Amino acid sequence: MRSVPDRSHAESKPTPLLRLWWKRWRERHRFARELPWIADEVLADYGLTRDEARRLCRRPFWRA
């Protein structure tokens, strides 16, 4: 008699999409925390104004 493979371990691993979302959320969260201390000149180097950076931080993580 053959046993049924245990798939509970495989199903408990996050999918690549969830990992990507988690990574984006962490990056935006970190950026939002550091935003008050980032100089406007540094933001300009990235081509962002302070308002654009704030908007970027408020976007949902699934809308990268």
PDB file of N, CA and C in Angstrom:
ATOM      1  N   MET A   1       0.840  -1.170   0.000  1.00  0.00           N
ATOM      2  CA  MET A   1       0.000   0.000   0.000  1.00  0.00           C
ATOM      3  C   MET A   1       0.890   1.240   0.000  1.00  0.00           C
ATOM      4  N   ARG A   2       0.626   2.163  -0.914  1.00  0.00           N
ATOM      5  CA  ARG A   2       1.431   3.381  -1.004  1.00  0.00           C
ATOM      6  C   ARG A   2       0.869   4.446  -0.072  1.00  0.00           C
ATOM      7  N   SER A   3       1.761   5.202   0.504  1.00  0.00           N
ATOM      8  CA  SER A   3       1.308   6.293   1.367  1.00  0.00           C
ATOM      9  C   SER A   3       1.181   7.577   0.543  1.00  0.00           C
ATOM     10  N   VAL A   4       0.329   8.435   0.997  1.00  0.00           N
ATOM     11  CA  VAL A   4       0.120   9.722   0.337  1.00  0.00           C
ATOM     12  C   VAL A   4       1.226  10.667   0.799  1.00  0.00           C
ATOM     13  N   PRO A   5       1.891  11.355  -0.120  1.00  0.00           N
ATOM     14  CA  PRO A   5       2.965  12.259   0.289  1.00  0.00           C
ATOM     15  C   PRO A   5       2.436  13.399   1.155  1.00  0.00           C
ATOM     16  N   ASP A   6       3.234  13.761   2.129  1.00  0.00           N
ATOM     17  CA  ASP A   6       2.864  14.858   3.027  1.00  0.00           C
ATOM     18  C   ASP A   6       3.193  16.179   2.345  1.00  0.00           C
ATOM     19  N   ARG A   7       2.184  16.930   1.977  1.00  0.00           N
ATOM     20  CA  ARG A   7       2.386  18.199   1.284  1.00  0.00           C
ATOM     21  C   ARG A   7       2.221  19.393   2.214  1.00  0.00           C
ATOM     22  N   SER A   8       1.932  19.172   3.456  1.00  0.00           N
ATOM     23  CA  SER A   8       1.700  20.295   4.362  1.00  0.00           C
ATOM     24  C   SER A   8       2.941  21.161   4.505  1.00  0.00           C
ATOM     25  N   HIS A   9       4.129  20.554   4.486  1.00  0.00           N
ATOM     26  CA  HIS A   9       5.363  21.327   4.608  1.00  0.00           C
ATOM     27  C   HIS A   9       5.572  22.205   3.374  1.00  0.00           C
ATOM     28  N   ALA A  10       5.351  21.660   2.200  1.00  0.00           N
ATOM     29  CA  ALA A  10       5.547  22.420   0.964  1.00  0.00           C
ATOM     30  C   ALA A  10       4.543  23.556   0.850  1.00  0.00           C
ATOM     31  N   GLU A  11       3.324  23.334   1.289  1.00  0.00           N
ATOM     32  CA  GLU A  11       2.296  24.358   1.181  1.00  0.00           C
ATOM     33  C   GLU A  11       2.494  25.476   2.188  1.00  0.00           C
ATOM     34  N   SER A  12       3.266  25.237   3.230  1.00  0.00           N
ATOM     35  CA  SER A  12       3.461  26.266   4.242  1.00  0.00           C
ATOM     36  C   SER A  12       4.522  27.285   3.839  1.00  0.00           C
ATOM     37  N   LYS A  13       5.279  27.018   2.784  1.00  0.00           N
ATOM     38  CA  LYS A  13       6.301  27.960   2.337  1.00  0.00           C
ATOM     39  C   LYS A  13       5.648  29.098   1.563  1.00  0.00           C
ATOM     40  N   PRO A  14       6.133  30.334   1.772  1.00  0.00           N
ATOM     41  CA  PRO A  14       5.563  31.464   1.027  1.00  0.00           C
ATOM     42  C   PRO A  14       5.857  31.343  -0.462  1.00  0.00           C
ATOM     43  N   THR A  15       4.936  31.791  -1.240  1.00  0.00           N
ATOM     44  CA  THR A  15       5.148  31.770  -2.681  1.00  0.00           C
ATOM     45  C   THR A  15       6.099  32.900  -3.060  1.00  0.00           C
ATOM     46  N   PRO A  16       6.702  32.817  -4.221  1.00  0.00           N
ATOM     47  CA  PRO A  16       7.598  33.901  -4.649  1.00  0.00           C
ATOM     48  C   PRO A  16       6.905  35.264  -4.686  1.00  0.00           C
ATOM     49  N   LEU A  17       5.631  35.289  -5.067  1.00  0.00           N
ATOM     50  CA  LEU A  17       4.904  36.556  -5.111  1.00  0.00           C
ATOM     51  C   LEU A  17       4.761  37.152  -3.719  1.00  0.00           C
ATOM     52  N   LEU A  18       4.448  36.330  -2.732  1.00  0.00           N
ATOM     53  CA  LEU A  18       4.338  36.834  -1.365  1.00  0.00           C
ATOM     54  C   LEU A  18       5.682  37.349  -0.857  1.00  0.00           C
ATOM     55  N   ARG A  19       6.738  36.668  -1.217  1.00  0.00           N
ATOM     56  CA  ARG A  19       8.074  37.137  -0.817  1.00  0.00           C
ATOM     57  C   ARG A  19       8.375  38.494  -1.438  1.00  0.00           C
ATOM     58  N   LEU A  20       8.016  38.653  -2.701  1.00  0.00           N
ATOM     59  CA  LEU A  20       8.238  39.925  -3.379  1.00  0.00           C
ATOM     60  C   LEU A  20       7.441  41.034  -2.707  1.00  0.00           C
ATOM     61  N   TRP A  21       6.166  40.774  -2.390  1.00  0.00           N
ATOM     62  CA  TRP A  21       5.339  41.776  -1.695  1.00  0.00           C
ATOM     63  C   TRP A  21       5.922  42.135  -0.340  1.00  0.00           C
ATOM     64  N   TRP A  22       6.354  41.126   0.388  1.00  0.00           N
ATOM     65  CA  TRP A  22       6.943  41.363   1.709  1.00  0.00           C
ATOM     66  C   TRP A  22       8.196  42.234   1.579  1.00  0.00           C
ATOM     67  N   LYS A  23       9.020  41.928   0.586  1.00  0.00           N
ATOM     68  CA  LYS A  23      10.242  42.707   0.373  1.00  0.00           C
ATOM     69  C   LYS A  23       9.899  44.151   0.038  1.00  0.00           C
ATOM     70  N   ARG A  24       8.936  44.374  -0.839  1.00  0.00           N
ATOM     71  CA  ARG A  24       8.530  45.735  -1.207  1.00  0.00           C
ATOM     72  C   ARG A  24       7.987  46.486   0.004  1.00  0.00           C
ATOM     73  N   TRP A  25       7.157  45.817   0.799  1.00  0.00           N
ATOM     74  CA  TRP A  25       6.595  46.469   1.979  1.00  0.00           C
ATOM     75  C   TRP A  25       7.703  46.887   2.935  1.00  0.00           C
ATOM     76  N   ARG A  26       8.658  45.980   3.172  1.00  0.00           N
ATOM     77  CA  ARG A  26       9.763  46.304   4.090  1.00  0.00           C
ATOM     78  C   ARG A  26      10.573  47.480   3.575  1.00  0.00           C
ATOM     79  N   GLU A  27      10.879  47.509   2.278  1.00  0.00           N
ATOM     80  CA  GLU A  27      11.653  48.608   1.701  1.00  0.00           C
ATOM     81  C   GLU A  27      10.913  49.930   1.832  1.00  0.00           C
ATOM     82  N   ARG A  28       9.629  49.932   1.525  1.00  0.00           N
ATOM     83  CA  ARG A  28       8.849  51.171   1.635  1.00  0.00           C
ATOM     84  C   ARG A  28       8.691  51.608   3.081  1.00  0.00           C
ATOM     85  N   HIS A  29       8.495  50.654   3.961  1.00  0.00           N
ATOM     86  CA  HIS A  29       8.358  50.982   5.379  1.00  0.00           C
ATOM     87  C   HIS A  29       9.649  51.613   5.899  1.00  0.00           C
ATOM     88  N   ARG A  30      10.774  51.033   5.553  1.00  0.00           N
ATOM     89  CA  ARG A  30      12.077  51.567   5.969  1.00  0.00           C
ATOM     90  C   ARG A  30      12.291  52.962   5.379  1.00  0.00           C
ATOM     91  N   PHE A  31      11.966  53.121   4.097  1.00  0.00           N
ATOM     92  CA  PHE A  31      12.120  54.415   3.438  1.00  0.00           C
ATOM     93  C   PHE A  31      11.225  55.463   4.095  1.00  0.00           C
ATOM     94  N   ALA A  32       9.990  55.082   4.424  1.00  0.00           N
ATOM     95  CA  ALA A  32       9.063  56.021   5.060  1.00  0.00           C
ATOM     96  C   ALA A  32       9.573  56.451   6.433  1.00  0.00           C
ATOM     97  N   ARG A  33      10.177  55.525   7.174  1.00  0.00           N
ATOM     98  CA  ARG A  33      10.734  55.870   8.487  1.00  0.00           C
ATOM     99  C   ARG A  33      11.913  56.828   8.356  1.00  0.00           C
ATOM    100  N   GLU A  34      12.720  56.655   7.318  1.00  0.00           N
ATOM    101  CA  GLU A  34      13.922  57.468   7.139  1.00  0.00           C
ATOM    102  C   GLU A  34      13.658  58.770   6.387  1.00  0.00           C
ATOM    103  N   LEU A  35      12.501  58.898   5.759  1.00  0.00           N
ATOM    104  CA  LEU A  35      12.198  60.051   4.917  1.00  0.00           C
ATOM    105  C   LEU A  35      12.381  61.401   5.616  1.00  0.00           C
ATOM    106  N   PRO A  36      11.949  61.579   6.859  1.00  0.00           N
ATOM    107  CA  PRO A  36      12.129  62.896   7.489  1.00  0.00           C
ATOM    108  C   PRO A  36      13.591  63.337   7.596  1.00  0.00           C
ATOM    109  N   TRP A  37      14.518  62.406   7.590  1.00  0.00           N
ATOM    110  CA  TRP A  37      15.935  62.749   7.756  1.00  0.00           C
ATOM    111  C   TRP A  37      16.707  62.771   6.443  1.00  0.00           C
ATOM    112  N   ILE A  38      16.048  62.443   5.352  1.00  0.00           N
ATOM    113  CA  ILE A  38      16.722  62.454   4.052  1.00  0.00           C
ATOM    114  C   ILE A  38      16.691  63.880   3.501  1.00  0.00           C
ATOM    115  N   ALA A  39      17.847  64.393   3.129  1.00  0.00           N
ATOM    116  CA  ALA A  39      17.943  65.757   2.599  1.00  0.00           C
ATOM    117  C   ALA A  39      17.264  65.843   1.233  1.00  0.00           C
ATOM    118  N   ASP A  40      16.709  67.014   0.955  1.00  0.00           N
ATOM    119  CA  ASP A  40      16.059  67.232  -0.337  1.00  0.00           C
ATOM    120  C   ASP A  40      17.029  67.012  -1.496  1.00  0.00           C
ATOM    121  N   GLU A  41      18.298  67.337  -1.282  1.00  0.00           N
ATOM    122  CA  GLU A  41      19.302  67.148  -2.326  1.00  0.00           C
ATOM    123  C   GLU A  41      19.482  65.663  -2.658  1.00  0.00           C
ATOM    124  N   VAL A  42      19.429  64.825  -1.642  1.00  0.00           N
ATOM    125  CA  VAL A  42      19.565  63.380  -1.860  1.00  0.00           C
ATOM    126  C   VAL A  42      18.356  62.855  -2.626  1.00  0.00           C
ATOM    127  N   LEU A  43      17.170  63.310  -2.246  1.00  0.00           N
ATOM    128  CA  LEU A  43      15.968  62.905  -2.981  1.00  0.00           C
ATOM    129  C   LEU A  43      16.056  63.362  -4.436  1.00  0.00           C
ATOM    130  N   ALA A  44      16.576  64.565  -4.648  1.00  0.00           N
ATOM    131  CA  ALA A  44      16.726  65.086  -6.012  1.00  0.00           C
ATOM    132  C   ALA A  44      17.689  64.220  -6.820  1.00  0.00           C
ATOM    133  N   ASP A  45      18.712  63.677  -6.165  1.00  0.00           N
ATOM    134  CA  ASP A  45      19.637  62.774  -6.860  1.00  0.00           C
ATOM    135  C   ASP A  45      18.904  61.552  -7.414  1.00  0.00           C
ATOM    136  N   TYR A  46      17.842  61.139  -6.733  1.00  0.00           N
ATOM    137  CA  TYR A  46      17.027  59.999  -7.182  1.00  0.00           C
ATOM    138  C   TYR A  46      15.885  60.447  -8.089  1.00  0.00           C
ATOM    139  N   GLY A  47      15.815  61.754  -8.343  1.00  0.00           N
ATOM    140  CA  GLY A  47      14.778  62.275  -9.221  1.00  0.00           C
ATOM    141  C   GLY A  47      13.430  62.406  -8.539  1.00  0.00           C
ATOM    142  N   LEU A  48      13.434  62.578  -7.215  1.00  0.00           N
ATOM    143  CA  LEU A  48      12.193  62.677  -6.451  1.00  0.00           C
ATOM    144  C   LEU A  48      12.115  63.999  -5.701  1.00  0.00           C
ATOM    145  N   THR A  49      10.912  64.535  -5.622  1.00  0.00           N
ATOM    146  CA  THR A  49      10.663  65.633  -4.692  1.00  0.00           C
ATOM    147  C   THR A  49      10.193  65.006  -3.385  1.00  0.00           C
ATOM    148  N   ARG A  50      10.141  65.797  -2.337  1.00  0.00           N
ATOM    149  CA  ARG A  50       9.690  65.269  -1.049  1.00  0.00           C
ATOM    150  C   ARG A  50       8.240  64.777  -1.152  1.00  0.00           C
ATOM    151  N   ASP A  51       7.392  65.514  -1.858  1.00  0.00           N
ATOM    152  CA  ASP A  51       5.989  65.092  -2.014  1.00  0.00           C
ATOM    153  C   ASP A  51       5.877  63.783  -2.796  1.00  0.00           C
ATOM    154  N   GLU A  52       6.685  63.630  -3.838  1.00  0.00           N
ATOM    155  CA  GLU A  52       6.675  62.378  -4.602  1.00  0.00           C
ATOM    156  C   GLU A  52       7.134  61.210  -3.735  1.00  0.00           C
ATOM    157  N   ALA A  53       8.137  61.446  -2.907  1.00  0.00           N
ATOM    158  CA  ALA A  53       8.627  60.393  -2.015  1.00  0.00           C
ATOM    159  C   ALA A  53       7.551  60.003  -1.006  1.00  0.00           C
ATOM    160  N   ARG A  54       6.830  60.992  -0.484  1.00  0.00           N
ATOM    161  CA  ARG A  54       5.741  60.685   0.466  1.00  0.00           C
ATOM    162  C   ARG A  54       4.654  59.856  -0.211  1.00  0.00           C
ATOM    163  N   ARG A  55       4.298  60.256  -1.443  1.00  0.00           N
ATOM    164  CA  ARG A  55       3.281  59.496  -2.182  1.00  0.00           C
ATOM    165  C   ARG A  55       3.733  58.064  -2.430  1.00  0.00           C
ATOM    166  N   LEU A  56       5.001  57.896  -2.765  1.00  0.00           N
ATOM    167  CA  LEU A  56       5.556  56.566  -2.991  1.00  0.00           C
ATOM    168  C   LEU A  56       5.449  55.715  -1.727  1.00  0.00           C
ATOM    169  N   CYS A  57       5.699  56.315  -0.586  1.00  0.00           N
ATOM    170  CA  CYS A  57       5.630  55.580   0.682  1.00  0.00           C
ATOM    171  C   CYS A  57       4.203  55.172   1.035  1.00  0.00           C
ATOM    172  N   ARG A  58       3.234  55.953   0.595  1.00  0.00           N
ATOM    173  CA  ARG A  58       1.837  55.655   0.938  1.00  0.00           C
ATOM    174  C   ARG A  58       1.186  54.649   0.005  1.00  0.00           C
ATOM    175  N   ARG A  59       1.839  54.360  -1.112  1.00  0.00           N
ATOM    176  CA  ARG A  59       1.251  53.400  -2.054  1.00  0.00           C
ATOM    177  C   ARG A  59       1.202  52.011  -1.443  1.00  0.00           C
ATOM    178  N   PRO A  60       0.161  51.256  -1.735  1.00  0.00           N
ATOM    179  CA  PRO A  60       0.107  49.870  -1.256  1.00  0.00           C
ATOM    180  C   PRO A  60       1.268  49.067  -1.825  1.00  0.00           C
ATOM    181  N   PHE A  61       1.754  48.126  -1.058  1.00  0.00           N
ATOM    182  CA  PHE A  61       2.940  47.375  -1.464  1.00  0.00           C
ATOM    183  C   PHE A  61       2.712  46.560  -2.728  1.00  0.00           C
ATOM    184  N   TRP A  62       1.476  46.237  -3.044  1.00  0.00           N
ATOM    185  CA  TRP A  62       1.217  45.431  -4.237  1.00  0.00           C
ATOM    186  C   TRP A  62       1.180  46.308  -5.495  1.00  0.00           C
ATOM    187  N   ARG A  63       1.315  47.627  -5.332  1.00  0.00           N
ATOM    188  CA  ARG A  63       1.355  48.534  -6.484  1.00  0.00           C
ATOM    189  C   ARG A  63       2.734  49.165  -6.596  1.00  0.00           C
ATOM    190  N   ALA A  64       3.684  48.377  -6.921  1.00  0.00           N
ATOM    191  CA  ALA A  64       5.081  48.847  -6.939  1.00  0.00           C
ATOM    192  C   ALA A  64       5.357  49.796  -8.061  1.00  0.00           C
TER     193      ALA A  64
END
